[in-house]
Amino acid sequence: MRRRPRPVRNIDNTIPSPCIKVCQFKKDELVCRGCYRSQDEVRNWMIMSKEDKLASLAQVDVRKTAAKNNG
């Protein structure tokens, strides 16, 4: 029995991860306190398209601003 070929993924390496090596997820928080990405964004970063990474980074900026404004 042959395996089905895996779909070819176009892995984008042009957008660096915003990770600052301070991974902190609390039970009641949905985003990392270090990089402001969700667990899904952190887990899937390497396989996300360039467009998805840029959209994620836009959300990171929104989350950072909100966190600073909330104290």
PDB file of N, CA and C in Angstrom:
ATOM      1  N   MET A   1       0.834  -1.177   0.000  1.00  0.00           N
ATOM      2  CA  MET A   1       0.000   0.000   0.000  1.00  0.00           C
ATOM      3  C   MET A   1       0.885   1.248   0.000  1.00  0.00           C
ATOM      4  N   ARG A   2       0.659   2.121  -0.934  1.00  0.00           N
ATOM      5  CA  ARG A   2       1.462   3.343  -1.042  1.00  0.00           C
ATOM      6  C   ARG A   2       0.796   4.487  -0.298  1.00  0.00           C
ATOM      7  N   ARG A   3       1.630   5.310   0.247  1.00  0.00           N
ATOM      8  CA  ARG A   3       1.121   6.509   0.902  1.00  0.00           C
ATOM      9  C   ARG A   3       0.762   7.561  -0.135  1.00  0.00           C
ATOM     10  N   ARG A   4      -0.218   8.340   0.199  1.00  0.00           N
ATOM     11  CA  ARG A   4      -0.558   9.469  -0.672  1.00  0.00           C
ATOM     12  C   ARG A   4       0.538  10.516  -0.541  1.00  0.00           C
ATOM     13  N   PRO A   5       0.881  11.173  -1.609  1.00  0.00           N
ATOM     14  CA  PRO A   5       1.904  12.213  -1.505  1.00  0.00           C
ATOM     15  C   PRO A   5       1.393  13.368  -0.644  1.00  0.00           C
ATOM     16  N   ARG A   6       2.276  13.914   0.141  1.00  0.00           N
ATOM     17  CA  ARG A   6       1.909  15.058   0.973  1.00  0.00           C
ATOM     18  C   ARG A   6       1.759  16.290   0.100  1.00  0.00           C
ATOM     19  N   PRO A   7       0.819  17.151   0.467  1.00  0.00           N
ATOM     20  CA  PRO A   7       0.689  18.386  -0.305  1.00  0.00           C
ATOM     21  C   PRO A   7       1.942  19.246  -0.134  1.00  0.00           C
ATOM     22  N   VAL A   8       2.334  19.888  -1.183  1.00  0.00           N
ATOM     23  CA  VAL A   8       3.515  20.747  -1.139  1.00  0.00           C
ATOM     24  C   VAL A   8       3.131  22.050  -0.455  1.00  0.00           C
ATOM     25  N   ARG A   9       3.858  22.397   0.562  1.00  0.00           N
ATOM     26  CA  ARG A   9       3.616  23.649   1.273  1.00  0.00           C
ATOM     27  C   ARG A   9       4.678  24.658   0.861  1.00  0.00           C
ATOM     28  N   ASN A  10       4.233  25.836   0.561  1.00  0.00           N
ATOM     29  CA  ASN A  10       5.164  26.917   0.273  1.00  0.00           C
ATOM     30  C   ASN A  10       5.478  27.621   1.576  1.00  0.00           C
ATOM     31  N   ILE A  11       6.518  27.175   2.230  1.00  0.00           N
ATOM     32  CA  ILE A  11       6.890  27.734   3.522  1.00  0.00           C
ATOM     33  C   ILE A  11       7.595  29.070   3.302  1.00  0.00           C
ATOM     34  N   ASP A  12       7.072  30.075   3.974  1.00  0.00           N
ATOM     35  CA  ASP A  12       7.614  31.423   3.843  1.00  0.00           C
ATOM     36  C   ASP A  12       8.584  31.697   4.982  1.00  0.00           C
ATOM     37  N   ASN A  13       9.800  32.075   4.649  1.00  0.00           N
ATOM     38  CA  ASN A  13      10.804  32.407   5.655  1.00  0.00           C
ATOM     39  C   ASN A  13      11.175  33.883   5.613  1.00  0.00           C
ATOM     40  N   THR A  14      10.407  34.688   4.894  1.00  0.00           N
ATOM     41  CA  THR A  14      10.760  36.103   4.743  1.00  0.00           C
ATOM     42  C   THR A  14      10.267  36.956   5.895  1.00  0.00           C
ATOM     43  N   ILE A  15       9.286  36.478   6.655  1.00  0.00           N
ATOM     44  CA  ILE A  15       8.744  37.234   7.776  1.00  0.00           C
ATOM     45  C   ILE A  15       9.258  36.596   9.064  1.00  0.00           C
ATOM     46  N   PRO A  16      10.092  37.304   9.824  1.00  0.00           N
ATOM     47  CA  PRO A  16      10.613  36.709  11.056  1.00  0.00           C
ATOM     48  C   PRO A  16       9.533  36.608  12.134  1.00  0.00           C
ATOM     49  N   SER A  17       9.680  35.626  12.960  1.00  0.00           N
ATOM     50  CA  SER A  17       8.754  35.436  14.074  1.00  0.00           C
ATOM     51  C   SER A  17       8.923  36.579  15.080  1.00  0.00           C
ATOM     52  N   PRO A  18       7.831  37.045  15.675  1.00  0.00           N
ATOM     53  CA  PRO A  18       7.933  38.083  16.697  1.00  0.00           C
ATOM     54  C   PRO A  18       8.313  37.526  18.069  1.00  0.00           C
ATOM     55  N   CYS A  19       8.601  36.246  18.147  1.00  0.00           N
ATOM     56  CA  CYS A  19       8.934  35.601  19.415  1.00  0.00           C
ATOM     57  C   CYS A  19      10.144  36.280  20.055  1.00  0.00           C
ATOM     58  N   ILE A  20      10.024  36.554  21.369  1.00  0.00           N
ATOM     59  CA  ILE A  20      11.142  37.144  22.110  1.00  0.00           C
ATOM     60  C   ILE A  20      11.661  36.180  23.174  1.00  0.00           C
ATOM     61  N   LYS A  21      11.296  34.897  23.010  1.00  0.00           N
ATOM     62  CA  LYS A  21      11.749  33.811  23.891  1.00  0.00           C
ATOM     63  C   LYS A  21      11.249  33.988  25.327  1.00  0.00           C
ATOM     64  N   VAL A  22      10.080  34.594  25.473  1.00  0.00           N
ATOM     65  CA  VAL A  22       9.414  34.736  26.765  1.00  0.00           C
ATOM     66  C   VAL A  22       7.990  34.210  26.585  1.00  0.00           C
ATOM     67  N   CYS A  23       7.853  32.906  26.552  1.00  0.00           N
ATOM     68  CA  CYS A  23       6.542  32.300  26.299  1.00  0.00           C
ATOM     69  C   CYS A  23       5.786  32.166  27.615  1.00  0.00           C
ATOM     70  N   GLN A  24       4.706  32.919  27.730  1.00  0.00           N
ATOM     71  CA  GLN A  24       3.892  32.873  28.940  1.00  0.00           C
ATOM     72  C   GLN A  24       2.418  32.847  28.553  1.00  0.00           C
ATOM     73  N   PHE A  25       1.802  31.712  28.762  1.00  0.00           N
ATOM     74  CA  PHE A  25       0.367  31.574  28.546  1.00  0.00           C
ATOM     75  C   PHE A  25      -0.267  31.255  29.894  1.00  0.00           C
ATOM     76  N   LYS A  26      -1.226  32.044  30.290  1.00  0.00           N
ATOM     77  CA  LYS A  26      -1.975  31.788  31.517  1.00  0.00           C
ATOM     78  C   LYS A  26      -3.304  31.162  31.139  1.00  0.00           C
ATOM     79  N   LYS A  27      -3.952  30.506  32.079  1.00  0.00           N
ATOM     80  CA  LYS A  27      -5.222  29.843  31.797  1.00  0.00           C
ATOM     81  C   LYS A  27      -6.275  30.803  31.270  1.00  0.00           C
ATOM     82  N   ASP A  28      -6.346  31.986  31.840  1.00  0.00           N
ATOM     83  CA  ASP A  28      -7.399  32.933  31.462  1.00  0.00           C
ATOM     84  C   ASP A  28      -6.995  33.862  30.315  1.00  0.00           C
ATOM     85  N   GLU A  29      -5.780  33.747  29.825  1.00  0.00           N
ATOM     86  CA  GLU A  29      -5.310  34.601  28.734  1.00  0.00           C
ATOM     87  C   GLU A  29      -5.175  33.770  27.464  1.00  0.00           C
ATOM     88  N   LEU A  30      -5.548  34.369  26.346  1.00  0.00           N
ATOM     89  CA  LEU A  30      -5.524  33.644  25.079  1.00  0.00           C
ATOM     90  C   LEU A  30      -4.283  33.926  24.254  1.00  0.00           C
ATOM     91  N   VAL A  31      -3.457  34.875  24.686  1.00  0.00           N
ATOM     92  CA  VAL A  31      -2.261  35.224  23.925  1.00  0.00           C
ATOM     93  C   VAL A  31      -1.027  35.192  24.818  1.00  0.00           C
ATOM     94  N   CYS A  32       0.107  34.987  24.195  1.00  0.00           N
ATOM     95  CA  CYS A  32       1.389  34.968  24.894  1.00  0.00           C
ATOM     96  C   CYS A  32       1.710  36.363  25.416  1.00  0.00           C
ATOM     97  N   ARG A  33       2.187  36.445  26.636  1.00  0.00           N
ATOM     98  CA  ARG A  33       2.563  37.737  27.214  1.00  0.00           C
ATOM     99  C   ARG A  33       3.871  38.264  26.621  1.00  0.00           C
ATOM    100  N   GLY A  34       4.625  37.419  25.955  1.00  0.00           N
ATOM    101  CA  GLY A  34       5.886  37.848  25.365  1.00  0.00           C
ATOM    102  C   GLY A  34       5.733  38.417  23.965  1.00  0.00           C
ATOM    103  N   CYS A  35       5.010  37.701  23.106  1.00  0.00           N
ATOM    104  CA  CYS A  35       4.924  38.113  21.697  1.00  0.00           C
ATOM    105  C   CYS A  35       3.514  38.497  21.256  1.00  0.00           C
ATOM    106  N   TYR A  36       2.529  38.305  22.130  1.00  0.00           N
ATOM    107  CA  TYR A  36       1.134  38.681  21.861  1.00  0.00           C
ATOM    108  C   TYR A  36       0.487  37.876  20.733  1.00  0.00           C
ATOM    109  N   ARG A  37       0.997  36.675  20.493  1.00  0.00           N
ATOM    110  CA  ARG A  37       0.352  35.789  19.515  1.00  0.00           C
ATOM    111  C   ARG A  37      -0.496  34.765  20.249  1.00  0.00           C
ATOM    112  N   SER A  38      -1.526  34.271  19.568  1.00  0.00           N
ATOM    113  CA  SER A  38      -2.341  33.201  20.141  1.00  0.00           C
ATOM    114  C   SER A  38      -1.551  31.895  20.081  1.00  0.00           C
ATOM    115  N   GLN A  39      -2.042  30.901  20.806  1.00  0.00           N
ATOM    116  CA  GLN A  39      -1.363  29.600  20.767  1.00  0.00           C
ATOM    117  C   GLN A  39      -1.360  29.029  19.358  1.00  0.00           C
ATOM    118  N   ASP A  40      -2.454  29.199  18.632  1.00  0.00           N
ATOM    119  CA  ASP A  40      -2.509  28.712  17.246  1.00  0.00           C
ATOM    120  C   ASP A  40      -1.494  29.442  16.375  1.00  0.00           C
ATOM    121  N   GLU A  41      -1.361  30.746  16.559  1.00  0.00           N
ATOM    122  CA  GLU A  41      -0.398  31.514  15.755  1.00  0.00           C
ATOM    123  C   GLU A  41       1.025  31.084  16.062  1.00  0.00           C
ATOM    124  N   VAL A  42       1.318  30.833  17.327  1.00  0.00           N
ATOM    125  CA  VAL A  42       2.661  30.371  17.701  1.00  0.00           C
ATOM    126  C   VAL A  42       2.924  29.000  17.089  1.00  0.00           C
ATOM    127  N   ARG A  43       1.972  28.098  17.256  1.00  0.00           N
ATOM    128  CA  ARG A  43       2.147  26.720  16.783  1.00  0.00           C
ATOM    129  C   ARG A  43       2.259  26.643  15.262  1.00  0.00           C
ATOM    130  N   ASN A  44       1.484  27.448  14.553  1.00  0.00           N
ATOM    131  CA  ASN A  44       1.429  27.344  13.096  1.00  0.00           C
ATOM    132  C   ASN A  44       2.349  28.312  12.355  1.00  0.00           C
ATOM    133  N   TRP A  45       3.115  29.103  13.060  1.00  0.00           N
ATOM    134  CA  TRP A  45       3.907  30.156  12.418  1.00  0.00           C
ATOM    135  C   TRP A  45       4.738  29.645  11.252  1.00  0.00           C
ATOM    136  N   MET A  46       5.411  28.534  11.421  1.00  0.00           N
ATOM    137  CA  MET A  46       6.321  28.031  10.386  1.00  0.00           C
ATOM    138  C   MET A  46       5.592  27.603   9.114  1.00  0.00           C
ATOM    139  N   ILE A  47       4.325  27.241   9.221  1.00  0.00           N
ATOM    140  CA  ILE A  47       3.597  26.778   8.035  1.00  0.00           C
ATOM    141  C   ILE A  47       2.603  27.815   7.517  1.00  0.00           C
ATOM    142  N   MET A  48       2.562  28.969   8.145  1.00  0.00           N
ATOM    143  CA  MET A  48       1.651  30.025   7.693  1.00  0.00           C
ATOM    144  C   MET A  48       2.195  30.682   6.430  1.00  0.00           C
ATOM    145  N   SER A  49       1.276  31.138   5.594  1.00  0.00           N
ATOM    146  CA  SER A  49       1.673  31.865   4.391  1.00  0.00           C
ATOM    147  C   SER A  49       2.151  33.265   4.783  1.00  0.00           C
ATOM    148  N   LYS A  50       2.797  33.928   3.865  1.00  0.00           N
ATOM    149  CA  LYS A  50       3.274  35.285   4.112  1.00  0.00           C
ATOM    150  C   LYS A  50       2.100  36.198   4.474  1.00  0.00           C
ATOM    151  N   GLU A  51       0.996  36.055   3.756  1.00  0.00           N
ATOM    152  CA  GLU A  51      -0.186  36.877   4.014  1.00  0.00           C
ATOM    153  C   GLU A  51      -0.744  36.622   5.409  1.00  0.00           C
ATOM    154  N   ASP A  52      -0.774  35.342   5.818  1.00  0.00           N
ATOM    155  CA  ASP A  52      -1.273  34.996   7.149  1.00  0.00           C
ATOM    156  C   ASP A  52      -0.354  35.557   8.237  1.00  0.00           C
ATOM    157  N   LYS A  53       0.951  35.511   8.003  1.00  0.00           N
ATOM    158  CA  LYS A  53       1.895  36.060   8.976  1.00  0.00           C
ATOM    159  C   LYS A  53       1.733  37.568   9.114  1.00  0.00           C
ATOM    160  N   LEU A  54       1.549  38.249   7.999  1.00  0.00           N
ATOM    161  CA  LEU A  54       1.345  39.697   8.053  1.00  0.00           C
ATOM    162  C   LEU A  54       0.043  40.038   8.777  1.00  0.00           C
ATOM    163  N   ALA A  55      -0.994  39.259   8.545  1.00  0.00           N
ATOM    164  CA  ALA A  55      -2.257  39.475   9.253  1.00  0.00           C
ATOM    165  C   ALA A  55      -2.083  39.215  10.745  1.00  0.00           C
ATOM    166  N   SER A  56      -1.332  38.192  11.091  1.00  0.00           N
ATOM    167  CA  SER A  56      -1.059  37.883  12.490  1.00  0.00           C
ATOM    168  C   SER A  56      -0.281  39.021  13.150  1.00  0.00           C
ATOM    169  N   LEU A  57       0.712  39.542  12.447  1.00  0.00           N
ATOM    170  CA  LEU A  57       1.501  40.651  13.000  1.00  0.00           C
ATOM    171  C   LEU A  57       0.648  41.902  13.205  1.00  0.00           C
ATOM    172  N   ALA A  58      -0.327  42.126  12.329  1.00  0.00           N
ATOM    173  CA  ALA A  58      -1.238  43.260  12.513  1.00  0.00           C
ATOM    174  C   ALA A  58      -2.042  43.061  13.791  1.00  0.00           C
ATOM    175  N   GLN A  59      -2.481  41.832  14.055  1.00  0.00           N
ATOM    176  CA  GLN A  59      -3.203  41.539  15.286  1.00  0.00           C
ATOM    177  C   GLN A  59      -2.296  41.683  16.507  1.00  0.00           C
ATOM    178  N   VAL A  60      -1.037  41.313  16.367  1.00  0.00           N
ATOM    179  CA  VAL A  60      -0.072  41.473  17.450  1.00  0.00           C
ATOM    180  C   VAL A  60       0.020  42.949  17.841  1.00  0.00           C
ATOM    181  N   ASP A  61       0.090  43.836  16.855  1.00  0.00           N
ATOM    182  CA  ASP A  61       0.151  45.270  17.138  1.00  0.00           C
ATOM    183  C   ASP A  61      -1.088  45.746  17.879  1.00  0.00           C
ATOM    184  N   VAL A  62      -2.256  45.266  17.462  1.00  0.00           N
ATOM    185  CA  VAL A  62      -3.512  45.634  18.121  1.00  0.00           C
ATOM    186  C   VAL A  62      -3.514  45.140  19.566  1.00  0.00           C
ATOM    187  N   ARG A  63      -3.095  43.915  19.779  1.00  0.00           N
ATOM    188  CA  ARG A  63      -3.072  43.330  21.125  1.00  0.00           C
ATOM    189  C   ARG A  63      -2.075  44.050  22.028  1.00  0.00           C
ATOM    190  N   LYS A  64      -0.908  44.384  21.480  1.00  0.00           N
ATOM    191  CA  LYS A  64       0.107  45.113  22.264  1.00  0.00           C
ATOM    192  C   LYS A  64      -0.422  46.454  22.707  1.00  0.00           C
ATOM    193  N   THR A  65      -1.037  47.186  21.784  1.00  0.00           N
ATOM    194  CA  THR A  65      -1.594  48.510  22.091  1.00  0.00           C
ATOM    195  C   THR A  65      -2.669  48.389  23.158  1.00  0.00           C
ATOM    196  N   ALA A  66      -3.544  47.408  23.018  1.00  0.00           N
ATOM    197  CA  ALA A  66      -4.605  47.196  23.992  1.00  0.00           C
ATOM    198  C   ALA A  66      -4.033  46.870  25.360  1.00  0.00           C
ATOM    199  N   ALA A  67      -2.998  46.045  25.417  1.00  0.00           N
ATOM    200  CA  ALA A  67      -2.377  45.675  26.676  1.00  0.00           C
ATOM    201  C   ALA A  67      -1.738  46.880  27.355  1.00  0.00           C
ATOM    202  N   LYS A  68      -1.087  47.731  26.579  1.00  0.00           N
ATOM    203  CA  LYS A  68      -0.460  48.928  27.147  1.00  0.00           C
ATOM    204  C   LYS A  68      -1.510  49.910  27.660  1.00  0.00           C
ATOM    205  N   ASN A  69      -2.637  50.022  26.948  1.00  0.00           N
ATOM    206  CA  ASN A  69      -3.691  50.953  27.348  1.00  0.00           C
ATOM    207  C   ASN A  69      -4.475  50.445  28.573  1.00  0.00           C
ATOM    208  N   ASN A  70      -4.442  49.135  28.810  1.00  0.00           N
ATOM    209  CA  ASN A  70      -5.159  48.564  29.947  1.00  0.00           C
ATOM    210  C   ASN A  70      -4.296  48.452  31.190  1.00  0.00           C
ATOM    211  N   GLY A  71      -3.108  48.936  31.103  1.00  0.00           N
ATOM    212  CA  GLY A  71      -2.297  48.963  32.306  1.00  0.00           C
ATOM    213  C   GLY A  71      -1.192  48.016  32.295  1.00  0.00           C
TER     214      GLY A  71
END
